[in-house]
Amino acid sequence: MTTHTRTLGTTGPRVHALGLGCMGMSALYGEADRAESIATVHAALDAGMTLLDTGDFYAMGHNEMLVGEALRTAPADLRDKALTSVKFGALRDPAGGWNAYDGRPQAVKNFAAYSLQRLGVDHIDVYRIARVDPDVPIEETVGAIAELVEQGYVRHIGLSEASVDNIRRAAATAPISDLQIEYAIITRDIEREILPTTRELGIGITAYGVLSRGLISGHFTSDRQLGAGDFRAFSPRFQGDNLRHNLDLVEALRKIADEKGVTVAQIAIAWVLSRGDDIVPLVGARTRERLAESLGALDVTLDEADLAAIEEAVPAGAAAGTRYPAAQMSHLGTEH
């Protein structure tokens, strides 16, 4: 297996073709085993993956400390190659509730100070606000990160779920490495305006949700019981008729995967990889078994016939339900 490299934006670091999204190791998708999570990070680094994505609000710092432990206990040569991508800005409460976003310059620097400590690093490779604070001009938030770059605490500035207007304003303020945003076979909203804009500006895409939170992994079933703290328990795409419709789409993908002798997850990841060298998919593997499956996508080649079959099976807009509950939709840079 080979892991080719891609450029994360014209101003960003070079990373391998897949990044590891670590959020699920701490929160939102049910229980995870800490030892297995750390072993999975080590296996990812050993396989040649370098980009580790986390957020300071994932289980209120738990995920950053987990990633920090994984880095601290990894072999030195692998640890030195690792790139940390950190989201900040989401405000939580002791009960785990979600409040507003804080993009004030003084808050940006405060968040960064704590992240550096929890991760046990002297710099963060890519730093980004999780959602643009509607009460703070994006120029001020990005400007504060730019100051951290000048001081050596951050290497590159990223964005997350930003609108076209905010992307342009941010890019006019400082060099932007990449935009992290959801992109999958059943989540293609960025193709209308976001992706043309980032390509015009030379900004890379870090695609999260490439398996749509497990929905199109080929492993999710309609009778699966979800815990109260699992995001999918109240995600519109996992409810009732929406879920049944969406799993029918998965079965259509499974036919294509079976014909190629690969898994549904590998087809889904390979599809995102096929969309351009400026796109780096994040895989949310929480175990070494799922990581190995995801890495297998690098060996999947989709020809024009395959892509046409996927398009016919799951055309743009085919998914039922929005990707977030209604209350969270207003913070997103795309419609769905």
Protein backbone atom coordinates (compact mmCIF):
# COMPACT_ATOMS: atom_id res chain seq x y z
CA MET A 1 0.00 0.00 0.00
CA THR A 2 1.25 3.43 -0.85
CA THR A 3 0.18 6.69 0.77
CA HIS A 4 0.69 9.55 -1.61
CA THR A 5 0.91 13.12 -0.37
CA ARG A 6 -1.33 16.04 -1.09
CA THR A 7 -0.89 19.73 -0.50
CA LEU A 8 -3.28 21.16 2.08
CA GLY A 9 -3.74 24.48 0.33
CA THR A 10 -1.04 26.42 -1.45
CA THR A 11 0.20 27.89 1.82
CA GLY A 12 -0.27 24.85 4.03
CA PRO A 13 1.77 21.83 5.10
CA ARG A 14 2.02 18.69 2.99
CA VAL A 15 0.01 15.83 4.46
CA HIS A 16 -0.73 12.29 3.43
CA ALA A 17 -3.87 11.49 1.49
CA LEU A 18 -5.95 10.70 4.58
CA GLY A 19 -6.15 12.40 7.96
CA LEU A 20 -7.39 10.90 11.23
CA GLY A 21 -10.37 12.59 12.86
CA CYS A 22 -10.05 11.88 16.57
CA MET A 23 -13.33 13.33 17.89
CA GLY A 24 -15.14 9.98 18.11
CA MET A 25 -12.46 8.68 20.46
CA SER A 26 -13.85 10.97 23.15
CA ALA A 27 -17.39 12.05 22.41
CA LEU A 28 -20.61 12.07 20.41
CA TYR A 29 -20.58 8.55 18.96
CA GLY A 30 -20.89 6.30 21.98
CA GLU A 31 -18.31 4.72 24.21
CA ALA A 32 -14.74 4.34 22.98
CA ASP A 33 -11.85 2.42 24.50
CA ARG A 34 -9.00 4.77 25.41
CA ALA A 35 -6.22 2.22 25.00
CA GLU A 36 -7.56 1.15 21.60
CA SER A 37 -7.96 4.78 20.57
CA ILE A 38 -4.31 5.54 21.37
CA ALA A 39 -3.24 2.35 19.60
CA THR A 40 -5.25 3.48 16.57
CA VAL A 41 -3.47 6.84 16.50
CA HIS A 42 -0.14 5.03 16.68
CA ALA A 43 -1.20 2.67 13.86
CA ALA A 44 -2.25 5.64 11.73
CA LEU A 45 1.11 7.34 12.21
CA ASP A 46 2.93 4.08 11.51
CA ALA A 47 0.95 3.69 8.26
CA GLY A 48 2.16 7.08 7.08
CA MET A 49 -0.82 9.23 8.06
CA THR A 50 0.33 12.49 9.57
CA LEU A 51 -2.70 14.74 10.08
CA LEU A 52 -4.45 14.37 13.45
CA ASP A 53 -7.61 16.43 13.85
CA THR A 54 -9.12 17.37 17.19
CA GLY A 55 -10.97 20.18 18.95
CA ASP A 56 -10.55 21.78 22.35
CA PHE A 57 -14.28 21.33 23.05
CA TYR A 58 -14.43 17.60 22.22
CA ALA A 59 -15.50 16.23 25.61
CA MET A 60 -14.21 19.46 27.16
CA GLY A 61 -10.50 18.88 26.55
CA HIS A 62 -10.56 15.09 26.85
CA ASN A 63 -9.78 14.56 23.17
CA GLU A 64 -6.82 16.90 23.14
CA MET A 65 -5.39 15.13 26.19
CA LEU A 66 -5.92 11.77 24.49
CA VAL A 67 -4.14 12.97 21.34
CA GLY A 68 -1.42 14.45 23.53
CA GLU A 69 -0.90 11.10 25.25
CA ALA A 70 -0.82 9.33 21.90
CA LEU A 71 1.84 11.72 20.65
CA ARG A 72 3.86 11.49 23.83
CA THR A 73 3.93 7.67 23.70
CA ALA A 74 4.53 7.36 19.95
CA PRO A 75 8.02 6.61 18.59
CA ALA A 76 9.97 9.84 18.23
CA ASP A 77 10.30 9.62 14.46
CA LEU A 78 6.53 9.27 14.04
CA ARG A 79 5.76 11.94 16.61
CA ASP A 80 7.98 14.41 14.78
CA LYS A 81 6.04 13.86 11.53
CA ALA A 82 2.60 14.35 13.09
CA LEU A 83 0.61 17.46 12.23
CA THR A 84 -2.03 18.72 14.65
CA SER A 85 -5.22 20.35 13.40
CA VAL A 86 -7.23 22.00 16.19
CA LYS A 87 -10.67 23.60 16.21
CA PHE A 88 -11.64 26.05 18.92
CA GLY A 89 -14.41 28.44 19.82
CA ALA A 90 -17.37 26.27 20.83
CA LEU A 91 -18.58 27.09 24.33
CA ARG A 92 -19.75 24.20 26.53
CA ASP A 93 -21.26 23.84 29.98
CA PRO A 94 -20.56 21.30 32.77
CA ALA A 95 -23.52 19.18 31.69
CA GLY A 96 -22.05 18.85 28.19
CA GLY A 97 -24.43 21.35 26.63
CA TRP A 98 -23.57 23.53 23.65
CA ASN A 99 -23.82 27.30 23.83
CA ALA A 100 -22.39 29.98 21.55
CA TYR A 101 -19.09 30.42 19.68
CA ASP A 102 -16.40 32.85 20.79
CA GLY A 103 -14.11 34.30 18.13
CA ARG A 104 -12.87 37.36 20.02
CA PRO A 105 -9.09 37.84 19.66
CA GLN A 106 -8.45 37.53 23.39
CA ALA A 107 -10.50 34.31 23.46
CA VAL A 108 -8.57 32.90 20.48
CA LYS A 109 -5.30 33.31 22.32
CA ASN A 110 -6.76 31.90 25.53
CA PHE A 111 -8.05 28.80 23.74
CA ALA A 112 -4.66 28.30 22.08
CA ALA A 113 -2.80 28.49 25.39
CA TYR A 114 -4.87 25.65 26.83
CA SER A 115 -4.66 23.53 23.68
CA LEU A 116 -0.86 23.76 23.59
CA GLN A 117 -0.76 22.56 27.19
CA ARG A 118 -3.21 19.68 26.73
CA LEU A 119 -1.55 18.48 23.53
CA GLY A 120 1.92 18.81 25.01
CA VAL A 121 3.29 20.58 21.95
CA ASP A 122 5.03 23.90 21.37
CA HIS A 123 2.96 24.75 18.30
CA ILE A 124 -0.29 23.80 16.55
CA ASP A 125 0.06 23.06 12.85
CA VAL A 126 -3.39 24.20 11.69
CA TYR A 127 -5.65 26.29 13.94
CA ARG A 128 -9.25 27.20 13.13
CA ILE A 129 -12.46 28.39 14.74
CA ALA A 130 -15.06 25.61 14.58
CA ARG A 131 -17.84 27.93 13.43
CA VAL A 132 -17.55 31.60 12.62
CA ASP A 133 -18.71 33.74 15.53
CA PRO A 134 -21.59 35.84 14.13
CA ASP A 135 -20.80 38.62 16.62
CA VAL A 136 -17.13 38.97 15.72
CA PRO A 137 -15.86 39.91 12.24
CA ILE A 138 -13.91 37.03 10.74
CA GLU A 139 -11.05 39.48 10.11
CA GLU A 140 -10.58 39.88 13.87
CA THR A 141 -10.60 36.14 14.55
CA VAL A 142 -8.21 35.34 11.71
CA GLY A 143 -6.06 38.31 12.63
CA ALA A 144 -5.61 36.90 16.12
CA ILE A 145 -4.53 33.53 14.71
CA ALA A 146 -2.14 35.38 12.38
CA GLU A 147 -0.53 36.94 15.46
CA LEU A 148 -0.09 33.43 16.91
CA VAL A 149 1.58 32.43 13.64
CA GLU A 150 3.96 35.37 13.92
CA GLN A 151 4.76 34.31 17.50
CA GLY A 152 5.45 30.70 16.49
CA TYR A 153 2.54 29.11 18.36
CA VAL A 154 0.63 28.25 15.18
CA ARG A 155 1.97 27.24 11.77
CA HIS A 156 -1.06 27.67 9.51
CA ILE A 157 -4.51 29.23 9.61
CA GLY A 158 -7.56 27.15 8.76
CA LEU A 159 -11.29 27.70 8.55
CA SER A 160 -14.21 25.44 9.37
CA GLU A 161 -17.75 25.46 7.95
CA ALA A 162 -17.33 29.04 6.71
CA SER A 163 -19.51 30.72 4.10
CA VAL A 164 -18.17 31.99 0.77
CA ASP A 165 -18.22 35.55 2.08
CA ASN A 166 -16.28 34.62 5.21
CA ILE A 167 -13.80 32.56 3.20
CA ARG A 168 -13.04 35.53 0.97
CA ARG A 169 -12.78 37.97 3.87
CA ALA A 170 -10.52 35.61 5.81
CA ALA A 171 -8.26 35.07 2.79
CA ALA A 172 -7.97 38.83 2.34
CA THR A 173 -6.78 39.09 5.94
CA ALA A 174 -4.12 36.37 6.05
CA PRO A 175 -3.02 33.25 4.11
CA ILE A 176 -5.55 30.46 4.68
CA SER A 177 -4.30 26.88 4.51
CA ASP A 178 -7.54 24.94 4.29
CA LEU A 179 -11.26 24.83 4.94
CA GLN A 180 -12.57 21.95 7.00
CA ILE A 181 -16.11 21.11 5.93
CA GLU A 182 -18.38 18.09 5.54
CA TYR A 183 -18.14 16.37 2.17
CA ALA A 184 -19.36 12.91 1.23
CA ILE A 185 -21.26 11.07 -1.46
CA ILE A 186 -24.50 12.09 0.27
CA THR A 187 -23.29 15.55 1.36
CA ARG A 188 -22.25 17.50 -1.71
CA ASP A 189 -23.44 21.03 -0.98
CA ILE A 190 -19.91 22.48 -1.22
CA GLU A 191 -19.79 21.71 -4.94
CA ARG A 192 -22.10 24.63 -5.76
CA GLU A 193 -20.16 27.61 -4.39
CA ILE A 194 -17.70 26.64 -1.64
CA LEU A 195 -15.41 24.38 -3.66
CA PRO A 196 -15.12 26.73 -6.67
CA THR A 197 -14.22 29.53 -4.24
CA THR A 198 -11.53 27.59 -2.37
CA ARG A 199 -10.01 26.47 -5.65
CA GLU A 200 -9.98 30.01 -6.96
CA LEU A 201 -8.17 31.14 -3.81
CA GLY A 202 -5.79 28.17 -3.56
CA ILE A 203 -7.30 26.93 -0.30
CA GLY A 204 -7.37 23.19 0.36
CA ILE A 205 -10.31 21.20 1.69
CA THR A 206 -10.15 18.92 4.71
CA ALA A 207 -13.29 16.82 4.30
CA TYR A 208 -14.90 15.49 7.44
CA GLY A 209 -17.94 13.22 7.61
CA VAL A 210 -16.79 11.23 4.57
CA LEU A 211 -18.74 8.25 5.95
CA SER A 212 -21.54 10.51 7.17
CA ARG A 213 -20.98 9.56 10.81
CA GLY A 214 -21.06 5.89 9.95
CA LEU A 215 -24.30 6.12 7.97
CA ILE A 216 -22.62 5.15 4.68
CA SER A 217 -19.91 2.98 6.22
CA GLY A 218 -21.77 -0.20 5.36
CA HIS A 219 -21.76 -1.17 9.04
CA PHE A 220 -24.76 0.81 10.31
CA THR A 221 -28.08 -1.03 10.63
CA SER A 222 -31.63 0.20 11.17
CA ASP A 223 -31.98 -1.66 14.48
CA ARG A 224 -28.82 -0.26 16.04
CA GLN A 225 -29.41 1.14 19.51
CA LEU A 226 -27.85 4.54 20.12
CA GLY A 227 -27.02 5.95 23.53
CA ALA A 228 -28.41 9.27 24.74
CA GLY A 229 -25.04 10.97 24.24
CA ASP A 230 -24.67 9.75 20.67
CA PHE A 231 -25.12 12.58 18.15
CA ARG A 232 -26.85 10.20 15.77
CA ALA A 233 -29.69 9.66 18.25
CA PHE A 234 -31.06 13.07 17.26
CA SER A 235 -29.43 13.61 13.85
CA PRO A 236 -32.17 13.99 11.19
CA ARG A 237 -30.52 11.56 8.78
CA PHE A 238 -30.71 8.76 11.35
CA GLN A 239 -34.41 9.12 12.16
CA GLY A 240 -37.33 6.98 11.03
CA ASP A 241 -38.14 7.15 7.33
CA ASN A 242 -35.02 9.22 6.70
CA LEU A 243 -32.84 6.41 8.01
CA ARG A 244 -34.65 3.77 5.97
CA HIS A 245 -34.28 5.86 2.82
CA ASN A 246 -30.60 6.55 3.46
CA LEU A 247 -29.81 2.91 4.16
CA ASP A 248 -31.40 2.05 0.81
CA LEU A 249 -28.78 4.36 -0.74
CA VAL A 250 -26.10 2.44 1.13
CA GLU A 251 -27.36 -0.83 -0.32
CA ALA A 252 -27.11 0.68 -3.80
CA LEU A 253 -23.49 1.55 -3.02
CA ARG A 254 -22.91 -1.93 -1.66
CA LYS A 255 -23.73 -3.45 -5.05
CA ILE A 256 -21.02 -1.31 -6.65
CA ALA A 257 -18.55 -2.14 -3.87
CA ASP A 258 -19.25 -5.87 -4.14
CA GLU A 259 -18.60 -5.79 -7.87
CA LYS A 260 -15.19 -4.22 -7.22
CA GLY A 261 -14.40 -6.53 -4.33
CA VAL A 262 -14.12 -3.71 -1.80
CA THR A 263 -16.22 -2.45 1.11
CA VAL A 264 -18.84 0.28 1.12
CA ALA A 265 -16.63 2.42 3.35
CA GLN A 266 -13.74 2.08 0.93
CA ILE A 267 -15.96 3.13 -1.98
CA ALA A 268 -17.17 6.16 -0.01
CA ILE A 269 -13.66 7.27 0.95
CA ALA A 270 -12.27 6.60 -2.52
CA TRP A 271 -15.06 8.74 -4.00
CA VAL A 272 -13.96 11.73 -1.88
CA LEU A 273 -10.33 11.08 -2.83
CA SER A 274 -11.38 11.13 -6.48
CA ARG A 275 -12.75 14.66 -6.25
CA GLY A 276 -9.35 16.35 -6.42
CA ASP A 277 -5.83 16.46 -5.04
CA ASP A 278 -6.77 19.53 -3.01
CA ILE A 279 -9.12 17.44 -0.84
CA VAL A 280 -7.90 15.46 2.18
CA PRO A 281 -10.55 13.17 3.71
CA LEU A 282 -10.61 12.75 7.48
CA VAL A 283 -11.49 9.24 8.57
CA GLY A 284 -13.01 8.88 12.02
CA ALA A 285 -11.71 5.39 12.78
CA ARG A 286 -11.77 4.56 16.48
CA THR A 287 -10.22 1.10 16.19
CA ARG A 288 -7.30 -0.37 14.31
CA GLU A 289 -9.70 -2.62 12.42
CA ARG A 290 -11.70 0.30 11.05
CA LEU A 291 -8.49 2.21 10.34
CA ALA A 292 -7.16 -0.65 8.24
CA GLU A 293 -10.41 -0.70 6.27
CA SER A 294 -10.17 3.05 5.66
CA LEU A 295 -6.56 2.83 4.53
CA GLY A 296 -7.64 0.23 2.00
CA ALA A 297 -9.47 3.01 0.16
CA LEU A 298 -6.09 4.27 -1.04
CA ASP A 299 -5.82 1.18 -3.22
CA VAL A 300 -9.26 1.64 -4.78
CA THR A 301 -9.28 3.19 -8.24
CA LEU A 302 -12.61 4.53 -9.48
CA ASP A 303 -12.79 4.78 -13.24
CA GLU A 304 -15.35 6.77 -15.20
CA ALA A 305 -17.76 3.84 -15.25
CA ASP A 306 -17.51 3.47 -11.47
CA LEU A 307 -18.10 7.16 -10.90
CA ALA A 308 -21.10 7.12 -13.24
CA ALA A 309 -22.54 4.12 -11.39
CA ILE A 310 -22.10 5.89 -8.06
CA GLU A 311 -23.74 9.02 -9.44
CA GLU A 312 -26.70 6.99 -10.66
CA ALA A 313 -27.02 5.12 -7.37
CA VAL A 314 -26.65 8.19 -5.15
CA PRO A 315 -27.14 11.42 -7.10
CA ALA A 316 -26.48 14.78 -5.47
CA GLY A 317 -29.25 15.64 -3.02
CA ALA A 318 -30.40 12.04 -2.64
CA ALA A 319 -30.03 11.90 1.15
CA ALA A 320 -33.10 12.36 3.36
CA GLY A 321 -32.74 14.79 6.25
CA THR A 322 -30.36 17.65 6.98
CA ARG A 323 -26.90 16.89 8.30
CA TYR A 324 -27.50 18.69 11.61
CA PRO A 325 -30.61 19.37 13.70
CA ALA A 326 -32.40 22.61 12.82
CA ALA A 327 -31.00 24.53 15.80
CA GLN A 328 -27.43 24.03 14.53
CA MET A 329 -28.02 24.74 10.86
CA SER A 330 -27.64 28.52 11.13
CA HIS A 331 -23.94 28.16 12.05
CA LEU A 332 -23.04 26.30 8.86
CA GLY A 333 -21.44 27.70 5.74
CA THR A 334 -23.60 25.55 3.46
CA GLU A 335 -27.31 25.02 3.30
CA HIS A 336 -27.47 21.44 4.51
